C-alpha atoms as a PDB file:
ATOM      1  CA  UNK A   1     129.417 103.821  67.417  1.00  0.00           C
ATOM      2  CA  UNK A   2     126.488 101.946  68.942  1.00  0.00           C
ATOM      3  CA  UNK A   3     123.553 101.476  66.611  1.00  0.00           C
ATOM      4  CA  UNK A   4     121.192 100.371  69.351  1.00  0.00           C
ATOM      5  CA  UNK A   5     121.528 103.057  71.982  1.00  0.00           C
ATOM      6  CA  UNK A   6     120.199 106.391  70.785  1.00  0.00           C
ATOM      7  CA  UNK A   7     119.067 109.095  73.156  1.00  0.00           C
ATOM      8  CA  UNK A   8     117.304 112.422  72.882  1.00  0.00           C
ATOM      9  CA  UNK A   9     119.514 115.530  72.693  1.00  0.00           C
ATOM     10  CA  UNK A  10     118.657 119.028  73.910  1.00  0.00           C
ATOM     11  CA  UNK A  11     120.007 122.498  73.344  1.00  0.00           C
ATOM     12  CA  UNK A  12     121.425 124.607  76.159  1.00  0.00           C
ATOM     13  CA  UNK A  13     118.047 126.372  76.377  1.00  0.00           C
ATOM     14  CA  UNK A  14     116.211 123.073  76.984  1.00  0.00           C
ATOM     15  CA  UNK A  15     114.673 122.701  73.497  1.00  0.00           C
ATOM     16  CA  UNK A  16     114.731 119.177  71.975  1.00  0.00           C
ATOM     17  CA  UNK A  17     116.770 118.744  68.805  1.00  0.00           C
ATOM     18  CA  UNK A  18     115.296 117.410  65.621  1.00  0.00           C
ATOM     19  CA  UNK A  19     117.490 114.295  65.641  1.00  0.00           C
ATOM     20  CA  UNK A  20     118.662 111.978  68.367  1.00  0.00           C
ATOM     21  CA  UNK A  21     122.336 111.222  68.948  1.00  0.00           C
ATOM     22  CA  UNK A  22     124.148 107.864  68.931  1.00  0.00           C
ATOM     23  CA  UNK A  23     126.077 107.036  72.059  1.00  0.00           C
ATOM     24  CA  UNK A  24     129.680 105.815  71.804  1.00  0.00           C
ATOM     25  CA  UNK A  25     130.393 102.111  72.141  1.00  0.00           C
ATOM     26  CA  UNK A  26     132.596 102.805  75.165  1.00  0.00           C
ATOM     27  CA  UNK A  27     131.028 102.853  77.678  1.00  0.00           C
ATOM     28  CA  UNK A  28     127.598 102.327  76.056  1.00  0.00           C
ATOM     29  CA  UNK A  29     127.939  98.772  74.760  1.00  0.00           C
ATOM     30  CA  UNK A  30     124.491  97.699  76.018  1.00  0.00           C
ATOM     31  CA  UNK A  31     125.709  95.247  78.695  1.00  0.00           C
ATOM     32  CA  UNK A  32     124.214  95.438  82.210  1.00  0.00           C
ATOM     33  CA  UNK A  33     125.939  93.420  84.943  1.00  0.00           C
ATOM     34  CA  UNK A  34     123.601  93.527  87.959  1.00  0.00           C
ATOM     35  CA  UNK A  35     125.854  91.568  90.351  1.00  0.00           C
ATOM     36  CA  UNK A  36     128.785  93.945  89.828  1.00  0.00           C
ATOM     37  CA  UNK A  37     126.511  96.960  90.306  1.00  0.00           C
ATOM     38  CA  UNK A  38     125.265  95.483  93.592  1.00  0.00           C
ATOM     39  CA  UNK A  39     128.802  94.961  94.832  1.00  0.00           C
ATOM     40  CA  UNK A  40     129.793  98.491  93.851  1.00  0.00           C
ATOM     41  CA  UNK A  41     126.822 100.065  95.639  1.00  0.00           C
ATOM     42  CA  UNK A  42     127.497  98.034  98.806  1.00  0.00           C
ATOM     43  CA  UNK A  43     131.155  99.080  98.781  1.00  0.00           C
ATOM     44  CA  UNK A  44     130.251 102.731  98.231  1.00  0.00           C
ATOM     45  CA  UNK A  45     127.801 102.790 101.144  1.00  0.00           C
ATOM     46  CA  UNK A  46     130.218 100.929 103.424  1.00  0.00           C
ATOM     47  CA  UNK A  47     132.966 103.425 102.619  1.00  0.00           C
ATOM     48  CA  UNK A  48     130.708 106.294 103.725  1.00  0.00           C
ATOM     49  CA  UNK A  49     130.608 104.990 107.296  1.00  0.00           C
ATOM     50  CA  UNK A  50     132.879 106.684 109.826  1.00  0.00           C
ATOM     51  CA  UNK A  51     133.137 103.692 112.136  1.00  0.00           C
ATOM     52  CA  UNK A  52     133.552 105.831 115.287  1.00  0.00           C
ATOM     53  CA  UNK A  53     130.728 104.274 117.384  1.00  0.00           C
ATOM     54  CA  UNK A  54     132.017 103.047 120.740  1.00  0.00           C
ATOM     55  CA  UNK A  55     130.555 101.723 123.989  1.00  0.00           C
ATOM     56  CA  UNK A  56     132.270 100.974 127.311  1.00  0.00           C
ATOM     57  CA  UNK A  57     132.662  97.467 128.642  1.00  0.00           C
ATOM     58  CA  UNK A  58     132.839  96.817 132.396  1.00  0.00           C
ATOM     59  CA  UNK A  59     136.594  97.379 132.289  1.00  0.00           C
ATOM     60  CA  UNK A  60     136.185 100.976 131.014  1.00  0.00           C
ATOM     61  CA  UNK A  61     133.406 102.107 133.387  1.00  0.00           C
ATOM     62  CA  UNK A  62     134.751 103.917 136.441  1.00  0.00           C
ATOM     63  CA  UNK A  63     134.017 102.458 139.883  1.00  0.00           C
ATOM     64  CA  UNK A  64     133.165  98.931 140.919  1.00  0.00           C
ATOM     65  CA  UNK A  65     136.585  98.071 142.276  1.00  0.00           C
ATOM     66  CA  UNK A  66     135.319  96.058 145.241  1.00  0.00           C
ATOM     67  CA  UNK A  67     132.553  93.614 146.056  1.00  0.00           C
ATOM     68  CA  UNK A  68     129.298  95.363 147.081  1.00  0.00           C
ATOM     69  CA  UNK A  69     128.818  92.811 149.912  1.00  0.00           C
ATOM     70  CA  UNK A  70     130.463  89.645 151.163  1.00  0.00           C
ATOM     71  CA  UNK A  71     130.150  86.393 149.297  1.00  0.00           C
ATOM     72  CA  UNK A  72     128.120  84.444 151.876  1.00  0.00           C
ATOM     73  CA  UNK A  73     125.808  85.046 154.757  1.00  0.00           C
ATOM     74  CA  UNK A  74     123.673  87.914 153.459  1.00  0.00           C
ATOM     75  CA  UNK A  75     120.954  85.884 151.743  1.00  0.00           C
ATOM     76  CA  UNK A  76     121.434  87.897 148.567  1.00  0.00           C
ATOM     77  CA  UNK A  77     122.851  86.829 145.234  1.00  0.00           C
ATOM     78  CA  UNK A  78     126.630  86.956 145.021  1.00  0.00           C
ATOM     79  CA  UNK A  79     127.999  90.006 143.224  1.00  0.00           C
ATOM     80  CA  UNK A  80     131.536  90.951 142.335  1.00  0.00           C
ATOM     81  CA  UNK A  81     131.190  94.517 141.031  1.00  0.00           C
ATOM     82  CA  UNK A  82     128.530  97.203 140.656  1.00  0.00           C
ATOM     83  CA  UNK A  83     129.756  97.804 137.109  1.00  0.00           C
ATOM     84  CA  UNK A  84     128.791  94.329 135.858  1.00  0.00           C
ATOM     85  CA  UNK A  85     126.480  94.334 132.798  1.00  0.00           C
ATOM     86  CA  UNK A  86     123.453  93.315 134.909  1.00  0.00           C
ATOM     87  CA  UNK A  87     123.752  96.429 137.071  1.00  0.00           C
ATOM     88  CA  UNK A  88     122.286  99.854 136.170  1.00  0.00           C
ATOM     89  CA  UNK A  89     125.207 101.992 135.057  1.00  0.00           C
ATOM     90  CA  UNK A  90     127.296  98.922 134.315  1.00  0.00           C
ATOM     91  CA  UNK A  91     129.218  98.083 131.180  1.00  0.00           C
ATOM     92  CA  UNK A  92     127.813  97.062 127.804  1.00  0.00           C
ATOM     93  CA  UNK A  93     128.231  93.554 126.448  1.00  0.00           C
ATOM     94  CA  UNK A  94     129.300  93.151 122.813  1.00  0.00           C
ATOM     95  CA  UNK A  95     128.732  96.834 122.014  1.00  0.00           C
ATOM     96  CA  UNK A  96     130.200  98.573 118.949  1.00  0.00           C
ATOM     97  CA  UNK A  97     133.844  99.525 118.960  1.00  0.00           C
ATOM     98  CA  UNK A  98     135.714 101.749 116.482  1.00  0.00           C
ATOM     99  CA  UNK A  99     136.473  99.832 113.309  1.00  0.00           C
ATOM    100  CA  UNK A 100     137.120 100.377 109.587  1.00  0.00           C
ATOM    101  CA  UNK A 101     134.221  99.476 107.292  1.00  0.00           C
ATOM    102  CA  UNK A 102     136.125 100.157 104.085  1.00  0.00           C
ATOM    103  CA  UNK A 103     135.659  97.721 101.170  1.00  0.00           C
ATOM    104  CA  UNK A 104     138.062  97.853  98.244  1.00  0.00           C
ATOM    105  CA  UNK A 105     137.031  96.757  94.753  1.00  0.00           C
ATOM    106  CA  UNK A 106     139.375  96.238  91.794  1.00  0.00           C
ATOM    107  CA  UNK A 107     139.552  99.104  89.343  1.00  0.00           C
ATOM    108  CA  UNK A 108     138.180  97.035  86.481  1.00  0.00           C
ATOM    109  CA  UNK A 109     135.185  95.957  88.594  1.00  0.00           C
ATOM    110  CA  UNK A 110     134.396  99.568  89.491  1.00  0.00           C
ATOM    111  CA  UNK A 111     134.618 100.594  85.848  1.00  0.00           C
ATOM    112  CA  UNK A 112     132.377  97.709  84.755  1.00  0.00           C
ATOM    113  CA  UNK A 113     129.787  98.644  87.396  1.00  0.00           C
ATOM    114  CA  UNK A 114     129.740 102.290  86.230  1.00  0.00           C
ATOM    115  CA  UNK A 115     129.386 101.256  82.584  1.00  0.00           C
ATOM    116  CA  UNK A 116     126.536  98.874  83.504  1.00  0.00           C
ATOM    117  CA  UNK A 117     124.701 101.645  85.388  1.00  0.00           C
ATOM    118  CA  UNK A 118     125.019 104.050  82.433  1.00  0.00           C
ATOM    119  CA  UNK A 119     123.813 101.342  80.027  1.00  0.00           C
ATOM    120  CA  UNK A 120     120.842 100.596  82.267  1.00  0.00           C
ATOM    121  CA  UNK A 121     119.813 104.258  82.299  1.00  0.00           C
ATOM    122  CA  UNK A 122     120.292 104.574  78.550  1.00  0.00           C
ATOM    123  CA  UNK A 123     118.176 101.466  77.868  1.00  0.00           C
ATOM    124  CA  UNK A 124     115.433 102.875  80.098  1.00  0.00           C
ATOM    125  CA  UNK A 125     115.402 106.148  78.133  1.00  0.00           C
ATOM    126  CA  UNK A 126     116.414 107.941  81.350  1.00  0.00           C
ATOM    127  CA  UNK A 127     119.696 109.320  79.926  1.00  0.00           C
ATOM    128  CA  UNK A 128     119.797 112.423  77.763  1.00  0.00           C
ATOM    129  CA  UNK A 129     122.460 114.570  76.140  1.00  0.00           C
ATOM    130  CA  UNK A 130     122.513 118.347  76.490  1.00  0.00           C
ATOM    131  CA  UNK A 131     124.629 121.044  74.836  1.00  0.00           C
ATOM    132  CA  UNK A 132     127.396 122.677  76.917  1.00  0.00           C
ATOM    133  CA  UNK A 133     126.002 124.898  79.677  1.00  0.00           C
ATOM    134  CA  UNK A 134     127.538 128.309  80.320  1.00  0.00           C
ATOM    135  CA  UNK A 135     126.248 130.569  83.058  1.00  0.00           C
ATOM    136  CA  UNK A 136     127.682 134.070  83.333  1.00  0.00           C
ATOM    137  CA  UNK A 137     126.716 134.194  87.002  1.00  0.00           C
ATOM    138  CA  UNK A 138     125.156 131.769  89.493  1.00  0.00           C
ATOM    139  CA  UNK A 139     121.382 131.800  89.019  1.00  0.00           C
ATOM    140  CA  UNK A 140     119.203 129.158  90.641  1.00  0.00           C
ATOM    141  CA  UNK A 141     116.076 130.432  88.862  1.00  0.00           C
ATOM    142  CA  UNK A 142     117.608 129.840  85.453  1.00  0.00           C
ATOM    143  CA  UNK A 143     118.597 126.269  86.379  1.00  0.00           C
ATOM    144  CA  UNK A 144     115.091 125.554  87.731  1.00  0.00           C
ATOM    145  CA  UNK A 145     113.548 126.870  84.504  1.00  0.00           C
ATOM    146  CA  UNK A 146     115.866 124.626  82.464  1.00  0.00           C
ATOM    147  CA  UNK A 147     114.772 121.556  84.438  1.00  0.00           C
ATOM    148  CA  UNK A 148     111.130 122.573  83.994  1.00  0.00           C
ATOM    149  CA  UNK A 149     111.564 122.744  80.191  1.00  0.00           C
ATOM    150  CA  UNK A 150     113.155 119.298  80.207  1.00  0.00           C
ATOM    151  CA  UNK A 151     110.257 117.903  82.281  1.00  0.00           C
ATOM    152  CA  UNK A 152     112.557 116.978  85.173  1.00  0.00           C
ATOM    153  CA  UNK A 153     111.406 119.454  87.822  1.00  0.00           C
ATOM    154  CA  UNK A 154     110.012 116.784  90.194  1.00  0.00           C
ATOM    155  CA  UNK A 155     112.577 114.053  89.557  1.00  0.00           C
ATOM    156  CA  UNK A 156     116.035 113.265  90.939  1.00  0.00           C
ATOM    157  CA  UNK A 157     118.503 114.435  88.300  1.00  0.00           C
ATOM    158  CA  UNK A 158     122.247 113.851  87.940  1.00  0.00           C
ATOM    159  CA  UNK A 159     123.969 116.448  85.751  1.00  0.00           C
ATOM    160  CA  UNK A 160     127.386 115.310  84.458  1.00  0.00           C
ATOM    161  CA  UNK A 161     129.561 118.159  83.172  1.00  0.00           C
ATOM    162  CA  UNK A 162     132.500 117.842  80.828  1.00  0.00           C
ATOM    163  CA  UNK A 163     134.624 120.026  83.107  1.00  0.00           C
ATOM    164  CA  UNK A 164     134.353 121.914  86.371  1.00  0.00           C
ATOM    165  CA  UNK A 165     132.026 124.928  85.989  1.00  0.00           C
ATOM    166  CA  UNK A 166     131.636 126.848  89.247  1.00  0.00           C
ATOM    167  CA  UNK A 167     128.692 128.981  88.093  1.00  0.00           C
ATOM    168  CA  UNK A 168     126.692 125.935  87.002  1.00  0.00           C
ATOM    169  CA  UNK A 169     127.479 124.121  90.246  1.00  0.00           C
ATOM    170  CA  UNK A 170     126.465 127.140  92.353  1.00  0.00           C
ATOM    171  CA  UNK A 171     123.251 127.532  90.371  1.00  0.00           C
ATOM    172  CA  UNK A 172     122.264 123.947  91.200  1.00  0.00           C
ATOM    173  CA  UNK A 173     123.462 123.943  94.806  1.00  0.00           C
ATOM    174  CA  UNK A 174     120.122 125.098  96.255  1.00  0.00           C
ATOM    175  CA  UNK A 175     117.997 122.642  94.254  1.00  0.00           C
ATOM    176  CA  UNK A 176     117.177 119.616  96.356  1.00  0.00           C
ATOM    177  CA  UNK A 177     116.704 117.045  93.571  1.00  0.00           C
ATOM    178  CA  UNK A 178     119.687 118.078  91.410  1.00  0.00           C
ATOM    179  CA  UNK A 179     123.234 116.802  91.829  1.00  0.00           C
ATOM    180  CA  UNK A 180     126.090 118.165  89.672  1.00  0.00           C
ATOM    181  CA  UNK A 181     129.335 116.265  89.086  1.00  0.00           C
ATOM    182  CA  UNK A 182     132.066 115.996  86.526  1.00  0.00           C
ATOM    183  CA  UNK A 183     131.854 113.110  84.055  1.00  0.00           C
ATOM    184  CA  UNK A 184     135.167 111.837  85.395  1.00  0.00           C
ATOM    185  CA  UNK A 185     133.827 111.846  88.991  1.00  0.00           C
ATOM    186  CA  UNK A 186     130.662 109.847  88.336  1.00  0.00           C
ATOM    187  CA  UNK A 187     130.131 106.655  90.287  1.00  0.00           C
ATOM    188  CA  UNK A 188     127.701 103.754  90.174  1.00  0.00           C
ATOM    189  CA  UNK A 189     125.679 104.817  93.207  1.00  0.00           C
ATOM    190  CA  UNK A 190     124.999 108.349  91.909  1.00  0.00           C
ATOM    191  CA  UNK A 191     123.887 107.064  88.497  1.00  0.00           C
ATOM    192  CA  UNK A 192     121.517 104.482  90.007  1.00  0.00           C
ATOM    193  CA  UNK A 193     120.220 106.846  92.693  1.00  0.00           C
ATOM    194  CA  UNK A 194     119.136 109.410  90.085  1.00  0.00           C
ATOM    195  CA  UNK A 195     115.921 108.993  88.112  1.00  0.00           C
ATOM    196  CA  UNK A 196     117.307 110.884  85.124  1.00  0.00           C
ATOM    197  CA  UNK A 197     120.880 111.517  83.947  1.00  0.00           C
ATOM    198  CA  UNK A 198     121.874 114.570  81.882  1.00  0.00           C
ATOM    199  CA  UNK A 199     125.292 114.436  80.198  1.00  0.00           C
ATOM    200  CA  UNK A 200     126.990 117.340  78.481  1.00  0.00           C
ATOM    201  CA  UNK A 201     127.847 116.509  74.881  1.00  0.00           C
ATOM    202  CA  UNK A 202     131.603 117.335  75.094  1.00  0.00           C
ATOM    203  CA  UNK A 203     131.981 114.740  77.872  1.00  0.00           C
ATOM    204  CA  UNK A 204     131.093 111.964  75.388  1.00  0.00           C
ATOM    205  CA  UNK A 205     133.193 113.299  72.527  1.00  0.00           C
ATOM    206  CA  UNK A 206     131.950 113.731  68.972  1.00  0.00           C
ATOM    207  CA  UNK A 207     128.527 112.137  68.563  1.00  0.00           C
ATOM    208  CA  UNK A 208     126.826 111.040  65.361  1.00  0.00           C
ATOM    209  CA  UNK A 209     123.280 112.044  64.621  1.00  0.00           C
ATOM    210  CA  UNK A 210     120.629 109.370  64.878  1.00  0.00           C
ATOM    211  CA  UNK A 211     117.056 109.046  63.787  1.00  0.00           C
ATOM    212  CA  UNK A 212     114.583 111.901  63.765  1.00  0.00           C
ATOM    213  CA  UNK A 213     112.741 112.517  67.007  1.00  0.00           C
ATOM    214  CA  UNK A 214     109.003 112.445  66.541  1.00  0.00           C
ATOM    215  CA  UNK A 215     106.625 113.321  69.304  1.00  0.00           C
ATOM    216  CA  UNK A 216     103.764 110.864  69.187  1.00  0.00           C
ATOM    217  CA  UNK A 217     100.363 112.327  69.933  1.00  0.00           C
ATOM    218  CA  UNK A 218      98.232 110.403  72.414  1.00  0.00           C
ATOM    219  CA  UNK A 219      95.846 108.065  70.695  1.00  0.00           C
ATOM    220  CA  UNK A 220      92.212 109.225  70.881  1.00  0.00           C
ATOM    221  CA  UNK A 221      89.936 107.180  73.037  1.00  0.00           C
ATOM    222  CA  UNK A 222      87.674 104.883  71.086  1.00  0.00           C
ATOM    223  CA  UNK A 223      83.982 105.388  71.818  1.00  0.00           C
ATOM    224  CA  UNK A 224      82.324 102.380  73.318  1.00  0.00           C
ATOM    225  CA  UNK A 225      79.815 100.695  70.972  1.00  0.00           C
ATOM    226  CA  UNK A 226      76.239 101.312  72.042  1.00  0.00           C
ATOM    227  CA  UNK A 227      74.674  98.094  73.291  1.00  0.00           C
ATOM    228  CA  UNK A 228      71.063  97.646  72.081  1.00  0.00           C
ATOM    229  CA  UNK A 229      68.496  97.436  74.804  1.00  0.00           C
ATOM    230  CA  UNK A 230      66.883  94.040  75.253  1.00  0.00           C
ATOM    231  CA  UNK A 231      63.201  94.096  74.383  1.00  0.00           C
ATOM    232  CA  UNK A 232      60.997  91.619  76.198  1.00  0.00           C
ATOM    233  CA  UNK A 233      58.368  89.470  74.542  1.00  0.00           C
ATOM    234  CA  UNK A 234      54.692  90.612  74.896  1.00  0.00           C
ATOM    235  CA  UNK A 235      53.769  87.839  77.356  1.00  0.00           C
ATOM    236  CA  UNK A 236      56.937  88.424  79.375  1.00  0.00           C
ATOM    237  CA  UNK A 237      56.308  92.184  79.380  1.00  0.00           C
ATOM    238  CA  UNK A 238      52.773  91.693  80.753  1.00  0.00           C
ATOM    239  CA  UNK A 239      54.091  89.366  83.483  1.00  0.00           C
ATOM    240  CA  UNK A 240      56.816  91.876  84.445  1.00  0.00           C
ATOM    241  CA  UNK A 241      54.334  94.752  84.570  1.00  0.00           C
ATOM    242  CA  UNK A 242      51.970  92.754  86.793  1.00  0.00           C
ATOM    243  CA  UNK A 243      54.843  91.874  89.169  1.00  0.00           C
ATOM    244  CA  UNK A 244      55.914  95.520  89.409  1.00  0.00           C
ATOM    245  CA  UNK A 245      52.329  96.602  90.089  1.00  0.00           C
ATOM    246  CA  UNK A 246      51.950  94.004  92.814  1.00  0.00           C
ATOM    247  CA  UNK A 247      55.232  95.074  94.440  1.00  0.00           C
ATOM    248  CA  UNK A 248      54.261  98.737  94.293  1.00  0.00           C
ATOM    249  CA  UNK A 249      50.818  98.154  95.891  1.00  0.00           C
ATOM    250  CA  UNK A 250      50.752  99.216  99.604  1.00  0.00           C
ATOM    251  CA  UNK A 251      50.465  96.345 102.065  1.00  0.00           C
ATOM    252  CA  UNK A 252      47.485  96.350 104.430  1.00  0.00           C
ATOM    253  CA  UNK A 253      48.533  96.898 108.042  1.00  0.00           C
ATOM    254  CA  UNK A 254      46.950  94.926 110.908  1.00  0.00           C
ATOM    255  CA  UNK A 255      45.048  96.957 113.552  1.00  0.00           C
ATOM    256  CA  UNK A 256      47.209  98.126 116.445  1.00  0.00           C
ATOM    257  CA  UNK A 257      45.005  96.696 119.240  1.00  0.00           C
ATOM    258  CA  UNK A 258      44.909  93.109 117.974  1.00  0.00           C
ATOM    259  CA  UNK A 259      47.818  90.704 117.821  1.00  0.00           C
ATOM    260  CA  UNK A 260      48.404  88.420 114.803  1.00  0.00           C
ATOM    261  CA  UNK A 261      46.396  85.216 114.681  1.00  0.00           C
ATOM    262  CA  UNK A 262      49.409  82.933 114.812  1.00  0.00           C
ATOM    263  CA  UNK A 263      50.619  84.537 118.026  1.00  0.00           C
ATOM    264  CA  UNK A 264      47.157  84.151 119.600  1.00  0.00           C
ATOM    265  CA  UNK A 265      47.165  80.416 118.838  1.00  0.00           C
ATOM    266  CA  UNK A 266      50.502  79.849 120.579  1.00  0.00           C
ATOM    267  CA  UNK A 267      49.736  82.014 123.637  1.00  0.00           C
ATOM    268  CA  UNK A 268      47.683  79.438 125.715  1.00  0.00           C
ATOM    269  CA  UNK A 269      50.252  76.716 125.131  1.00  0.00           C
ATOM    270  CA  UNK A 270      53.025  79.008 126.357  1.00  0.00           C
ATOM    271  CA  UNK A 271      51.012  79.879 129.495  1.00  0.00           C
ATOM    272  CA  UNK A 272      50.415  76.211 130.280  1.00  0.00           C
ATOM    273  CA  UNK A 273      54.081  75.389 129.864  1.00  0.00           C
ATOM    274  CA  UNK A 274      55.016  78.227 132.180  1.00  0.00           C
ATOM    275  CA  UNK A 275      52.519  77.019 134.829  1.00  0.00           C
ATOM    276  CA  UNK A 276      53.970  73.507 134.665  1.00  0.00           C
ATOM    277  CA  UNK A 277      57.487  74.864 135.253  1.00  0.00           C
ATOM    278  CA  UNK A 278      56.308  76.880 138.248  1.00  0.00           C
ATOM    279  CA  UNK A 279      54.528  73.852 139.773  1.00  0.00           C
ATOM    280  CA  UNK A 280      57.625  71.671 139.359  1.00  0.00           C
ATOM    281  CA  UNK A 281      59.724  74.378 140.980  1.00  0.00           C
ATOM    282  CA  UNK A 282      57.361  74.643 143.966  1.00  0.00           C
ATOM    283  CA  UNK A 283      57.339  70.849 144.393  1.00  0.00           C
ATOM    284  CA  UNK A 284      61.128  70.755 144.403  1.00  0.00           C
ATOM    285  CA  UNK A 285      61.252  73.542 147.022  1.00  0.00           C
ATOM    286  CA  UNK A 286      58.715  71.623 149.192  1.00  0.00           C
ATOM    287  CA  UNK A 287      60.889  68.482 149.075  1.00  0.00           C
ATOM    288  CA  UNK A 288      63.953  70.478 150.097  1.00  0.00           C
ATOM    289  CA  UNK A 289      62.036  72.025 153.055  1.00  0.00           C
ATOM    290  CA  UNK A 290      60.867  68.587 154.250  1.00  0.00           C
ATOM    291  CA  UNK A 291      64.406  67.193 154.078  1.00  0.00           C
ATOM    292  CA  UNK A 292      65.776  70.117 156.059  1.00  0.00           C
ATOM    293  CA  UNK A 293      63.064  69.668 158.782  1.00  0.00           C
ATOM    294  CA  UNK A 294      63.909  65.982 159.072  1.00  0.00           C
ATOM    295  CA  UNK A 295      67.604  66.763 159.483  1.00  0.00           C
ATOM    296  CA  UNK A 296      66.753  69.296 162.220  1.00  0.00           C
ATOM    297  CA  UNK A 297      64.681  66.716 164.116  1.00  0.00           C
ATOM    298  CA  UNK A 298      67.514  64.210 163.961  1.00  0.00           C
ATOM    299  CA  UNK A 299      69.986  66.754 165.328  1.00  0.00           C
ATOM    300  CA  UNK A 300      67.616  67.653 168.220  1.00  0.00           C
ATOM    301  CA  UNK A 301      67.059  63.967 169.141  1.00  0.00           C
ATOM    302  CA  UNK A 302      70.796  63.338 169.127  1.00  0.00           C
ATOM    303  CA  UNK A 303      71.403  66.295 171.423  1.00  0.00           C
ATOM    304  CA  UNK A 304      68.804  65.103 174.046  1.00  0.00           C
ATOM    305  CA  UNK A 305      70.264  61.535 174.237  1.00  0.00           C
ATOM    306  CA  UNK A 306      72.904  61.251 177.076  1.00  0.00           C
ATOM    307  CA  UNK A 307      76.412  60.416 176.027  1.00  0.00           C
ATOM    308  CA  UNK A 308      77.596  56.876 176.911  1.00  0.00           C
ATOM    309  CA  UNK A 309      80.498  56.712 179.382  1.00  0.00           C
ATOM    310  CA  UNK A 310      83.633  54.936 178.256  1.00  0.00           C
ATOM    311  CA  UNK A 311      84.815  52.132 180.551  1.00  0.00           C
ATOM    312  CA  UNK A 312      87.945  53.150 182.437  1.00  0.00           C
ATOM    313  CA  UNK A 313      90.740  51.070 183.926  1.00  0.00           C
ATOM    314  CA  UNK A 314      90.335  49.840 187.520  1.00  0.00           C
ATOM    315  CA  UNK A 315      92.858  51.098 190.003  1.00  0.00           C
ATOM    316  CA  UNK A 316      94.266  48.843 192.755  1.00  0.00           C
END
């Protein structure tokens, strides 16, 4: 028996037992092989694929048996078929075709992966043992109440039975977060997908009792030590009081009709600067007007002057 891995045990009614139980060495030897678990999960998911996706290449699309137009002389790009991949309604390039995604793992590798997943859940305290369940009739309400007592109502739970029990399976069929399987049918993916694993005691054989289960009460919060207030020196206190009084005193507002003194000082200088800019602008405009008048006079003088005749060749 394993001395390290001990888990909590419950009765069939969902009440915790006084003592924990020791898990058997096989398969609970404490070893967790992550690489093997990864390979097993990948193989499981690949084996769930149907592999029936299929698209048609240009050879499988009907139509397109002749050229849409002649090779040369039309000014258009040459085309050989209206079912080419670049045409609407044409074939698909490199699309999926039916294939088999199955991945086979050796039996020993699959067993090692399952043992590693169970050890990982046991080391995380996510695996528990429960007494044999026996339902006289299918009752979903009773199964939901059992999960509520175990504190697993809002978690994904995997229930592993020692043998096939139709009433228990039917009672859990309508619960979304509960999956029921036989211990012999468990696989790595189901164990890792579940947040908590419940195993019936007969599935593990005869189990030895472990240590007593004690429910630890939450530790009371410690009160924070009161920090003494800092007392200021007399001189510092007077200075602080004077500063507060000065800050609290209302500030005198300037009369609405008069502008501040600083603004009045800068106002004449701003006016003078503005007048200088306007004078420079007017001078520039005057120069432009004179230049334009001069150009007009030159054009008029050129138009009045008669054009000189070009000397022609003398005829015999």
